[in-house]
PDB file of N, CA and C in Angstrom:
ATOM      1  N   UNK A   1     112.298 121.987  87.200  1.00  0.00           N
ATOM      2  CA  UNK A   1     110.016 121.383  87.261  1.00  0.00           C
ATOM      3  C   UNK A   1     110.990 120.429  88.229  1.00  0.00           C
ATOM      4  N   UNK A   2     108.997 121.040  89.317  1.00  0.00           N
ATOM      5  CA  UNK A   2     109.094 120.089  90.322  1.00  0.00           C
ATOM      6  C   UNK A   2     108.226 119.510  91.045  1.00  0.00           C
ATOM      7  N   UNK A   3     108.120 118.265  91.703  1.00  0.00           N
ATOM      8  CA  UNK A   3     107.281 116.984  91.794  1.00  0.00           C
ATOM      9  C   UNK A   3     106.232 118.319  92.355  1.00  0.00           C
ATOM     10  N   UNK A   4     105.705 118.930  92.597  1.00  0.00           N
ATOM     11  CA  UNK A   4     104.700 120.150  93.353  1.00  0.00           C
ATOM     12  C   UNK A   4     103.561 121.123  91.858  1.00  0.00           C
ATOM     13  N   UNK A   5     104.641 120.718  91.489  1.00  0.00           N
ATOM     14  CA  UNK A   5     103.935 121.707  90.253  1.00  0.00           C
ATOM     15  C   UNK A   5     103.571 120.704  88.945  1.00  0.00           C
ATOM     16  N   UNK A   6     104.138 119.366  89.384  1.00  0.00           N
ATOM     17  CA  UNK A   6     103.269 118.660  88.159  1.00  0.00           C
ATOM     18  C   UNK A   6     102.111 118.382  89.188  1.00  0.00           C
ATOM     19  N   UNK A   7     102.323 118.646  90.486  1.00  0.00           N
ATOM     20  CA  UNK A   7     101.007 117.512  91.154  1.00  0.00           C
ATOM     21  C   UNK A   7      99.925 118.531  90.540  1.00  0.00           C
ATOM     22  N   UNK A   8      99.930 120.462  90.543  1.00  0.00           N
ATOM     23  CA  UNK A   8      99.648 121.031  90.544  1.00  0.00           C
ATOM     24  C   UNK A   8      98.535 121.041  89.368  1.00  0.00           C
ATOM     25  N   UNK A   9      99.172 120.704  88.001  1.00  0.00           N
ATOM     26  CA  UNK A   9      98.606 121.025  87.018  1.00  0.00           C
ATOM     27  C   UNK A   9      97.908 119.714  86.595  1.00  0.00           C
ATOM     28  N   UNK A  10      98.821 117.987  87.965  1.00  0.00           N
ATOM     29  CA  UNK A  10      97.545 116.897  87.378  1.00  0.00           C
ATOM     30  C   UNK A  10      95.793 117.136  88.460  1.00  0.00           C
ATOM     31  N   UNK A  11      96.217 117.605  89.147  1.00  0.00           N
ATOM     32  CA  UNK A  11      95.046 117.986  89.524  1.00  0.00           C
ATOM     33  C   UNK A  11      94.019 119.036  89.612  1.00  0.00           C
ATOM     34  N   UNK A  12      94.168 119.431  88.626  1.00  0.00           N
ATOM     35  CA  UNK A  12      93.309 120.923  88.534  1.00  0.00           C
ATOM     36  C   UNK A  12      91.860 121.330  88.307  1.00  0.00           C
ATOM     37  N   UNK A  13      91.282 121.646  88.692  1.00  0.00           N
ATOM     38  CA  UNK A  13      90.189 120.974  88.222  1.00  0.00           C
ATOM     39  C   UNK A  13      89.090 122.248  87.665  1.00  0.00           C
ATOM     40  N   UNK A  14      88.744 122.612  87.227  1.00  0.00           N
ATOM     41  CA  UNK A  14      88.948 121.210  85.625  1.00  0.00           C
ATOM     42  C   UNK A  14      89.894 120.739  85.031  1.00  0.00           C
ATOM     43  N   UNK A  15      89.988 119.441  84.602  1.00  0.00           N
ATOM     44  CA  UNK A  15      91.142 119.514  84.561  1.00  0.00           C
ATOM     45  C   UNK A  15      91.606 120.035  83.066  1.00  0.00           C
ATOM     46  N   UNK A  16      92.423 119.793  82.674  1.00  0.00           N
ATOM     47  CA  UNK A  16      93.438 120.794  81.513  1.00  0.00           C
ATOM     48  C   UNK A  16      94.468 119.405  81.332  1.00  0.00           C
ATOM     49  N   UNK A  17      93.894 118.414  79.379  1.00  0.00           N
ATOM     50  CA  UNK A  17      94.443 118.299  79.451  1.00  0.00           C
ATOM     51  C   UNK A  17      96.351 118.711  79.232  1.00  0.00           C
ATOM     52  N   UNK A  18      97.464 118.331  79.367  1.00  0.00           N
ATOM     53  CA  UNK A  18      98.916 118.752  79.051  1.00  0.00           C
ATOM     54  C   UNK A  18      99.531 117.713  78.585  1.00  0.00           C
ATOM     55  N   UNK A  19     100.710 118.287  78.770  1.00  0.00           N
ATOM     56  CA  UNK A  19     102.127 117.493  77.520  1.00  0.00           C
ATOM     57  C   UNK A  19     103.328 117.389  78.122  1.00  0.00           C
ATOM     58  N   UNK A  20     104.253 116.544  78.718  1.00  0.00           N
ATOM     59  CA  UNK A  20     105.587 116.405  80.024  1.00  0.00           C
ATOM     60  C   UNK A  20     106.566 116.225  78.747  1.00  0.00           C
ATOM     61  N   UNK A  21     107.452 117.520  78.872  1.00  0.00           N
ATOM     62  CA  UNK A  21     108.683 117.307  77.876  1.00  0.00           C
ATOM     63  C   UNK A  21     109.748 116.890  78.637  1.00  0.00           C
ATOM     64  N   UNK A  22     110.927 116.580  78.327  1.00  0.00           N
ATOM     65  CA  UNK A  22     111.398 115.374  79.346  1.00  0.00           C
ATOM     66  C   UNK A  22     112.454 115.747  78.122  1.00  0.00           C
ATOM     67  N   UNK A  23     113.806 116.253  79.536  1.00  0.00           N
ATOM     68  CA  UNK A  23     115.496 117.289  78.945  1.00  0.00           C
ATOM     69  C   UNK A  23     115.661 116.194  77.919  1.00  0.00           C
ATOM     70  N   UNK A  24     116.179 114.948  77.324  1.00  0.00           N
ATOM     71  CA  UNK A  24     116.440 114.674  76.519  1.00  0.00           C
ATOM     72  C   UNK A  24     115.705 114.389  75.322  1.00  0.00           C
ATOM     73  N   UNK A  25     114.425 115.732  75.509  1.00  0.00           N
ATOM     74  CA  UNK A  25     113.786 115.587  73.525  1.00  0.00           C
ATOM     75  C   UNK A  25     112.065 114.679  73.381  1.00  0.00           C
ATOM     76  N   UNK A  26     111.941 113.574  73.902  1.00  0.00           N
ATOM     77  CA  UNK A  26     110.492 113.401  74.399  1.00  0.00           C
ATOM     78  C   UNK A  26     109.966 113.775  74.547  1.00  0.00           C
ATOM     79  N   UNK A  27     108.154 113.601  74.467  1.00  0.00           N
ATOM     80  CA  UNK A  27     107.794 114.591  75.090  1.00  0.00           C
ATOM     81  C   UNK A  27     106.351 113.137  74.808  1.00  0.00           C
ATOM     82  N   UNK A  28     105.448 113.310  76.124  1.00  0.00           N
ATOM     83  CA  UNK A  28     104.176 112.509  75.796  1.00  0.00           C
ATOM     84  C   UNK A  28     102.662 113.223  76.721  1.00  0.00           C
ATOM     85  N   UNK A  29     101.724 112.798  76.305  1.00  0.00           N
ATOM     86  CA  UNK A  29     100.795 113.793  76.686  1.00  0.00           C
ATOM     87  C   UNK A  29      99.555 112.901  77.305  1.00  0.00           C
ATOM     88  N   UNK A  30      99.384 113.968  78.088  1.00  0.00           N
ATOM     89  CA  UNK A  30      98.868 112.938  79.389  1.00  0.00           C
ATOM     90  C   UNK A  30      97.164 113.567  79.298  1.00  0.00           C
ATOM     91  N   UNK A  31      96.527 112.662  78.474  1.00  0.00           N
ATOM     92  CA  UNK A  31      94.552 113.411  78.321  1.00  0.00           C
ATOM     93  C   UNK A  31      93.622 113.503  79.294  1.00  0.00           C
ATOM     94  N   UNK A  32      94.050 112.911  80.141  1.00  0.00           N
ATOM     95  CA  UNK A  32      93.103 112.942  81.561  1.00  0.00           C
ATOM     96  C   UNK A  32      94.133 112.436  83.088  1.00  0.00           C
ATOM     97  N   UNK A  33      93.877 112.824  83.767  1.00  0.00           N
ATOM     98  CA  UNK A  33      94.289 112.719  84.948  1.00  0.00           C
ATOM     99  C   UNK A  33      94.989 111.414  85.645  1.00  0.00           C
ATOM    100  N   UNK A  34      94.124 110.361  85.049  1.00  0.00           N
ATOM    101  CA  UNK A  34      94.545 109.346  85.053  1.00  0.00           C
ATOM    102  C   UNK A  34      95.387 108.484  84.283  1.00  0.00           C
ATOM    103  N   UNK A  35      95.805 109.471  83.593  1.00  0.00           N
ATOM    104  CA  UNK A  35      96.591 109.225  82.464  1.00  0.00           C
ATOM    105  C   UNK A  35      99.137 109.399  83.609  1.00  0.00           C
ATOM    106  N   UNK A  36      99.010 110.200  84.397  1.00  0.00           N
ATOM    107  CA  UNK A  36      99.751 110.255  84.444  1.00  0.00           C
ATOM    108  C   UNK A  36      99.344 109.781  86.164  1.00  0.00           C
ATOM    109  N   UNK A  37     100.600 108.885  86.668  1.00  0.00           N
ATOM    110  CA  UNK A  37     100.911 109.007  88.372  1.00  0.00           C
ATOM    111  C   UNK A  37     102.004 109.278  88.919  1.00  0.00           C
ATOM    112  N   UNK A  38     102.310 109.577  90.440  1.00  0.00           N
ATOM    113  CA  UNK A  38     103.739 109.460  90.916  1.00  0.00           C
ATOM    114  C   UNK A  38     103.711 108.710  92.158  1.00  0.00           C
ATOM    115  N   UNK A  39     105.212 107.873  92.087  1.00  0.00           N
ATOM    116  CA  UNK A  39     105.067 107.872  93.329  1.00  0.00           C
ATOM    117  C   UNK A  39     104.985 107.998  94.288  1.00  0.00           C
ATOM    118  N   UNK A  40     105.304 108.189  95.338  1.00  0.00           N
ATOM    119  CA  UNK A  40     104.817 109.028  97.392  1.00  0.00           C
ATOM    120  C   UNK A  40     105.694 110.075  97.032  1.00  0.00           C
ATOM    121  N   UNK A  41     106.992 110.094  96.839  1.00  0.00           N
ATOM    122  CA  UNK A  41     107.990 110.991  97.597  1.00  0.00           C
ATOM    123  C   UNK A  41     108.283 111.776  95.421  1.00  0.00           C
ATOM    124  N   UNK A  42     107.567 110.838  94.759  1.00  0.00           N
ATOM    125  CA  UNK A  42     107.585 111.606  93.725  1.00  0.00           C
ATOM    126  C   UNK A  42     108.593 111.639  92.530  1.00  0.00           C
ATOM    127  N   UNK A  43     109.759 111.009  92.686  1.00  0.00           N
ATOM    128  CA  UNK A  43     110.633 111.186  92.131  1.00  0.00           C
ATOM    129  C   UNK A  43     110.550 110.550  90.881  1.00  0.00           C
ATOM    130  N   UNK A  44     109.385 108.899  90.596  1.00  0.00           N
ATOM    131  CA  UNK A  44     109.074 108.355  89.915  1.00  0.00           C
ATOM    132  C   UNK A  44     108.000 108.791  89.240  1.00  0.00           C
ATOM    133  N   UNK A  45     107.380 109.204  87.791  1.00  0.00           N
ATOM    134  CA  UNK A  45     106.168 109.597  87.343  1.00  0.00           C
ATOM    135  C   UNK A  45     106.458 108.275  86.511  1.00  0.00           C
ATOM    136  N   UNK A  46     104.601 108.037  85.603  1.00  0.00           N
ATOM    137  CA  UNK A  46     104.732 107.005  84.717  1.00  0.00           C
ATOM    138  C   UNK A  46     103.720 107.626  84.404  1.00  0.00           C
ATOM    139  N   UNK A  47     103.965 108.157  83.309  1.00  0.00           N
ATOM    140  CA  UNK A  47     102.695 108.095  81.767  1.00  0.00           C
ATOM    141  C   UNK A  47     102.112 107.079  81.097  1.00  0.00           C
ATOM    142  N   UNK A  48     101.002 106.563  81.673  1.00  0.00           N
ATOM    143  CA  UNK A  48     100.321 106.264  80.695  1.00  0.00           C
ATOM    144  C   UNK A  48     100.051 106.343  78.855  1.00  0.00           C
ATOM    145  N   UNK A  49     100.299 105.124  78.424  1.00  0.00           N
ATOM    146  CA  UNK A  49      99.300 105.939  76.786  1.00  0.00           C
ATOM    147  C   UNK A  49      97.542 104.872  76.979  1.00  0.00           C
ATOM    148  N   UNK A  50      96.853 105.335  75.974  1.00  0.00           N
ATOM    149  CA  UNK A  50      95.725 105.160  75.604  1.00  0.00           C
ATOM    150  C   UNK A  50      95.554 103.408  75.946  1.00  0.00           C
ATOM    151  N   UNK A  51      96.056 102.500  75.182  1.00  0.00           N
ATOM    152  CA  UNK A  51      96.374 101.428  74.832  1.00  0.00           C
ATOM    153  C   UNK A  51      97.147 100.768  75.890  1.00  0.00           C
ATOM    154  N   UNK A  52      97.497 101.428  77.180  1.00  0.00           N
ATOM    155  CA  UNK A  52      97.864 101.219  78.652  1.00  0.00           C
ATOM    156  C   UNK A  52      99.773 100.940  78.622  1.00  0.00           C
ATOM    157  N   UNK A  53     100.544 100.989  77.858  1.00  0.00           N
ATOM    158  CA  UNK A  53     101.521 100.857  78.173  1.00  0.00           C
ATOM    159  C   UNK A  53     102.025 102.152  78.125  1.00  0.00           C
ATOM    160  N   UNK A  54     103.024 101.950  79.543  1.00  0.00           N
ATOM    161  CA  UNK A  54     103.173 102.771  80.075  1.00  0.00           C
ATOM    162  C   UNK A  54     105.000 103.797  79.596  1.00  0.00           C
ATOM    163  N   UNK A  55     105.003 104.719  80.191  1.00  0.00           N
ATOM    164  CA  UNK A  55     106.057 105.154  80.056  1.00  0.00           C
ATOM    165  C   UNK A  55     107.070 105.528  81.658  1.00  0.00           C
ATOM    166  N   UNK A  56     107.802 105.160  82.168  1.00  0.00           N
ATOM    167  CA  UNK A  56     108.984 105.210  83.381  1.00  0.00           C
ATOM    168  C   UNK A  56     109.842 106.104  83.312  1.00  0.00           C
ATOM    169  N   UNK A  57     109.160 107.551  84.117  1.00  0.00           N
ATOM    170  CA  UNK A  57     110.556 108.681  83.977  1.00  0.00           C
ATOM    171  C   UNK A  57     110.453 109.341  85.755  1.00  0.00           C
ATOM    172  N   UNK A  58     111.356 109.784  84.921  1.00  0.00           N
ATOM    173  CA  UNK A  58     112.744 110.116  86.461  1.00  0.00           C
ATOM    174  C   UNK A  58     111.915 111.987  86.413  1.00  0.00           C
ATOM    175  N   UNK A  59     111.401 111.793  87.294  1.00  0.00           N
ATOM    176  CA  UNK A  59     110.733 113.967  87.429  1.00  0.00           C
ATOM    177  C   UNK A  59     111.609 114.877  87.204  1.00  0.00           C
ATOM    178  N   UNK A  60     112.923 113.602  87.478  1.00  0.00           N
ATOM    179  CA  UNK A  60     113.612 115.335  87.876  1.00  0.00           C
ATOM    180  C   UNK A  60     114.716 116.355  86.386  1.00  0.00           C
ATOM    181  N   UNK A  61     114.222 114.542  85.333  1.00  0.00           N
ATOM    182  CA  UNK A  61     114.584 115.070  83.739  1.00  0.00           C
ATOM    183  C   UNK A  61     113.431 115.600  83.380  1.00  0.00           C
ATOM    184  N   UNK A  62     112.605 115.770  83.812  1.00  0.00           N
ATOM    185  CA  UNK A  62     111.486 116.979  83.197  1.00  0.00           C
ATOM    186  C   UNK A  62     111.678 118.660  82.894  1.00  0.00           C
ATOM    187  N   UNK A  63     111.370 119.609  82.837  1.00  0.00           N
ATOM    188  CA  UNK A  63     112.155 120.225  82.009  1.00  0.00           C
ATOM    189  C   UNK A  63     110.714 121.489  81.922  1.00  0.00           C
ATOM    190  N   UNK A  64     109.023 120.919  81.214  1.00  0.00           N
ATOM    191  CA  UNK A  64     107.909 121.678  80.974  1.00  0.00           C
ATOM    192  C   UNK A  64     106.399 120.496  80.947  1.00  0.00           C
ATOM    193  N   UNK A  65     106.228 121.509  81.207  1.00  0.00           N
ATOM    194  CA  UNK A  65     104.554 121.089  81.050  1.00  0.00           C
ATOM    195  C   UNK A  65     103.835 121.636  80.022  1.00  0.00           C
ATOM    196  N   UNK A  66     103.400 121.783  79.447  1.00  0.00           N
ATOM    197  CA  UNK A  66     102.597 122.075  78.025  1.00  0.00           C
ATOM    198  C   UNK A  66     101.069 121.389  78.312  1.00  0.00           C
ATOM    199  N   UNK A  67     100.682 122.784  78.386  1.00  0.00           N
ATOM    200  CA  UNK A  67      98.824 122.688  78.940  1.00  0.00           C
ATOM    201  C   UNK A  67      97.926 123.276  77.913  1.00  0.00           C
ATOM    202  N   UNK A  68      97.700 122.378  77.452  1.00  0.00           N
ATOM    203  CA  UNK A  68      96.543 122.979  76.499  1.00  0.00           C
ATOM    204  C   UNK A  68      95.866 123.575  76.711  1.00  0.00           C
ATOM    205  N   UNK A  69      95.243 124.906  75.552  1.00  0.00           N
ATOM    206  CA  UNK A  69      94.482 125.159  76.339  1.00  0.00           C
ATOM    207  C   UNK A  69      92.712 125.183  76.906  1.00  0.00           C
ATOM    208  N   UNK A  70      92.346 125.492  77.189  1.00  0.00           N
ATOM    209  CA  UNK A  70      91.135 125.037  77.839  1.00  0.00           C
ATOM    210  C   UNK A  70      90.129 124.651  76.294  1.00  0.00           C
ATOM    211  N   UNK A  71      88.691 123.896  76.379  1.00  0.00           N
ATOM    212  CA  UNK A  71      88.269 123.306  75.537  1.00  0.00           C
ATOM    213  C   UNK A  71      88.383 123.277  73.466  1.00  0.00           C
ATOM    214  N   UNK A  72      89.974 123.220  73.694  1.00  0.00           N
ATOM    215  CA  UNK A  72      90.637 122.638  72.768  1.00  0.00           C
ATOM    216  C   UNK A  72      90.921 121.041  72.705  1.00  0.00           C
ATOM    217  N   UNK A  73      90.611 119.952  72.055  1.00  0.00           N
ATOM    218  CA  UNK A  73      90.669 119.069  71.686  1.00  0.00           C
ATOM    219  C   UNK A  73      90.683 118.401  73.226  1.00  0.00           C
ATOM    220  N   UNK A  74      90.065 118.549  73.868  1.00  0.00           N
ATOM    221  CA  UNK A  74      89.673 118.143  75.438  1.00  0.00           C
ATOM    222  C   UNK A  74      87.750 117.152  75.663  1.00  0.00           C
ATOM    223  N   UNK A  75      88.077 116.566  76.471  1.00  0.00           N
ATOM    224  CA  UNK A  75      86.676 116.497  76.953  1.00  0.00           C
ATOM    225  C   UNK A  75      85.921 116.753  78.669  1.00  0.00           C
ATOM    226  N   UNK A  76      85.365 117.055  78.260  1.00  0.00           N
ATOM    227  CA  UNK A  76      85.760 117.379  79.757  1.00  0.00           C
ATOM    228  C   UNK A  76      84.948 116.307  81.020  1.00  0.00           C
ATOM    229  N   UNK A  77      85.519 116.682  82.000  1.00  0.00           N
ATOM    230  CA  UNK A  77      85.917 115.467  83.111  1.00  0.00           C
ATOM    231  C   UNK A  77      84.698 114.737  82.953  1.00  0.00           C
ATOM    232  N   UNK A  78      84.617 113.620  84.479  1.00  0.00           N
ATOM    233  CA  UNK A  78      83.452 113.297  84.195  1.00  0.00           C
ATOM    234  C   UNK A  78      83.559 113.104  85.870  1.00  0.00           C
ATOM    235  N   UNK A  79      82.515 113.309  86.769  1.00  0.00           N
ATOM    236  CA  UNK A  79      82.616 113.416  87.837  1.00  0.00           C
ATOM    237  C   UNK A  79      82.336 111.978  88.312  1.00  0.00           C
ATOM    238  N   UNK A  80      81.486 110.870  87.684  1.00  0.00           N
ATOM    239  CA  UNK A  80      81.508 109.538  88.933  1.00  0.00           C
ATOM    240  C   UNK A  80      82.325 109.081  88.202  1.00  0.00           C
ATOM    241  N   UNK A  81      82.231 107.598  89.284  1.00  0.00           N
ATOM    242  CA  UNK A  81      83.394 106.714  89.200  1.00  0.00           C
ATOM    243  C   UNK A  81      82.659 105.802  88.052  1.00  0.00           C
TER     244      UNK A  81
END
């Protein structure tokens, strides 16, 4: 998995929720693009939970992104700020 692939999924329009899977087993769901941020170089990824807790991840340990089926368990993303 490379940082360009992660950015592509995060910036998809329309956004589709996805899950980040790590090499050592854990996974983290990203329900909205604002729940994932990346360092400028892409080496560090932060996935936020709904309570604003965050998981600091090394992007080199991300092995897979599982993309939800469109329309299943997801609300449309608002265009307003």
